[in-house]
C-alpha atoms as a PDB file:
ATOM      1  CA  MET A   1     -50.875 -48.899-141.854  1.00  0.00           C
ATOM      2  CA  VAL A   2     -49.091 -49.605-138.570  1.00  0.00           C
ATOM      3  CA  THR A   3     -45.454 -48.808-137.766  1.00  0.00           C
ATOM      4  CA  PRO A   4     -43.556 -49.606-134.556  1.00  0.00           C
ATOM      5  CA  VAL A   5     -41.864 -46.801-132.631  1.00  0.00           C
ATOM      6  CA  THR A   6     -39.300 -46.730-129.829  1.00  0.00           C
ATOM      7  CA  PHE A   7     -38.383 -43.646-127.811  1.00  0.00           C
ATOM      8  CA  LEU A   8     -35.265 -43.507-125.637  1.00  0.00           C
ATOM      9  CA  GLY A   9     -34.648 -40.873-122.992  1.00  0.00           C
ATOM     10  CA  THR A  10     -34.136 -39.929-119.371  1.00  0.00           C
ATOM     11  CA  HIS A  11     -36.951 -39.060-116.969  1.00  0.00           C
ATOM     12  CA  GLN A  12     -35.572 -35.639-115.974  1.00  0.00           C
ATOM     13  CA  GLY A  13     -38.729 -33.633-115.307  1.00  0.00           C
ATOM     14  CA  GLU A  14     -42.114 -34.022-113.685  1.00  0.00           C
ATOM     15  CA  LEU A  15     -44.429 -36.353-115.617  1.00  0.00           C
ATOM     16  CA  MET A  16     -48.124 -36.422-114.721  1.00  0.00           C
ATOM     17  CA  GLY A  17     -47.275 -35.291-111.186  1.00  0.00           C
ATOM     18  CA  ILE A  18     -44.445 -37.831-110.799  1.00  0.00           C
ATOM     19  CA  PRO A  19     -41.132 -36.201-109.830  1.00  0.00           C
ATOM     20  CA  ALA A  20     -38.058 -36.821-111.975  1.00  0.00           C
ATOM     21  CA  SER A  21     -36.365 -40.167-111.304  1.00  0.00           C
ATOM     22  CA  ASN A  22     -33.353 -39.502-113.582  1.00  0.00           C
ATOM     23  CA  LYS A  23     -33.734 -43.094-114.849  1.00  0.00           C
ATOM     24  CA  SER A  24     -33.105 -44.048-118.476  1.00  0.00           C
ATOM     25  CA  VAL A  25     -36.282 -45.241-120.186  1.00  0.00           C
ATOM     26  CA  GLU A  26     -37.263 -47.013-123.388  1.00  0.00           C
ATOM     27  CA  ILE A  27     -40.870 -46.516-124.451  1.00  0.00           C
ATOM     28  CA  ARG A  28     -42.297 -48.742-127.173  1.00  0.00           C
ATOM     29  CA  GLY A  29     -45.483 -48.262-129.120  1.00  0.00           C
ATOM     30  CA  ILE A  30     -47.133 -48.124-132.521  1.00  0.00           C
ATOM     31  CA  ASN A  31     -48.248 -45.416-134.920  1.00  0.00           C
ATOM     32  CA  ILE A  32     -51.526 -46.148-136.698  1.00  0.00           C
ATOM     33  CA  HIS A  33     -52.350 -44.368-139.969  1.00  0.00           C
ATOM     34  CA  LYS A  34     -55.537 -44.638-142.010  1.00  0.00           C
ATOM     35  CA  ILE A  35     -54.830 -44.154-145.710  1.00  0.00           C
ATOM     36  CA  VAL A  36     -57.669 -43.394-148.140  1.00  0.00           C
ATOM     37  CA  GLY A  37     -57.048 -42.676-151.817  1.00  0.00           C
ATOM     38  CA  GLY A  38     -53.304 -42.476-151.219  1.00  0.00           C
ATOM     39  CA  LYS A  39     -53.685 -39.813-148.514  1.00  0.00           C
ATOM     40  CA  MET A  40     -53.388 -40.074-144.758  1.00  0.00           C
ATOM     41  CA  VAL A  41     -56.774 -39.131-143.302  1.00  0.00           C
ATOM     42  CA  GLU A  42     -56.346 -40.259-139.685  1.00  0.00           C
ATOM     43  CA  ALA A  43     -53.434 -40.966-137.359  1.00  0.00           C
ATOM     44  CA  GLY A  44     -52.851 -42.038-133.785  1.00  0.00           C
ATOM     45  CA  THR A  45     -50.155 -43.344-131.474  1.00  0.00           C
ATOM     46  CA  VAL A  46     -50.373 -45.986-128.756  1.00  0.00           C
ATOM     47  CA  LEU A  47     -47.543 -46.104-126.201  1.00  0.00           C
ATOM     48  CA  ASP A  48     -46.713 -48.623-123.473  1.00  0.00           C
ATOM     49  CA  MET A  49     -47.324 -46.269-120.537  1.00  0.00           C
ATOM     50  CA  MET A  50     -47.419 -49.131-118.014  1.00  0.00           C
ATOM     51  CA  GLY A  51     -43.922 -50.134-119.107  1.00  0.00           C
ATOM     52  CA  LEU A  52     -42.793 -46.530-118.660  1.00  0.00           C
ATOM     53  CA  MET A  53     -44.269 -46.377-115.152  1.00  0.00           C
ATOM     54  CA  GLN A  54     -42.453 -49.612-114.273  1.00  0.00           C
ATOM     55  CA  GLN A  55     -39.170 -48.239-115.558  1.00  0.00           C
ATOM     56  CA  ILE A  56     -39.396 -45.072-113.445  1.00  0.00           C
ATOM     57  CA  GLY A  57     -40.414 -47.067-110.360  1.00  0.00           C
ATOM     58  CA  VAL A  58     -44.071 -46.004-109.992  1.00  0.00           C
ATOM     59  CA  ILE A  59     -45.456 -49.511-110.659  1.00  0.00           C
ATOM     60  CA  PRO A  60     -43.535 -52.589-109.452  1.00  0.00           C
ATOM     61  CA  SER A  61     -42.072 -54.857-112.147  1.00  0.00           C
ATOM     62  CA  GLN A  62     -42.713 -58.571-111.853  1.00  0.00           C
END
């Protein structure tokens, strides 16, 4: 099962060595769940980290 997720926030603290930019960000991604016999047996999340880095100005946007 896959569900979309969106996180909204402000980059106010250091992130992976990158100083706070105080920029508003929107991070999109998906949650992936493996269901077996009606029970969740595995889960993971994939986030658009490149999009986040573009929003805080680390990677140039096109």
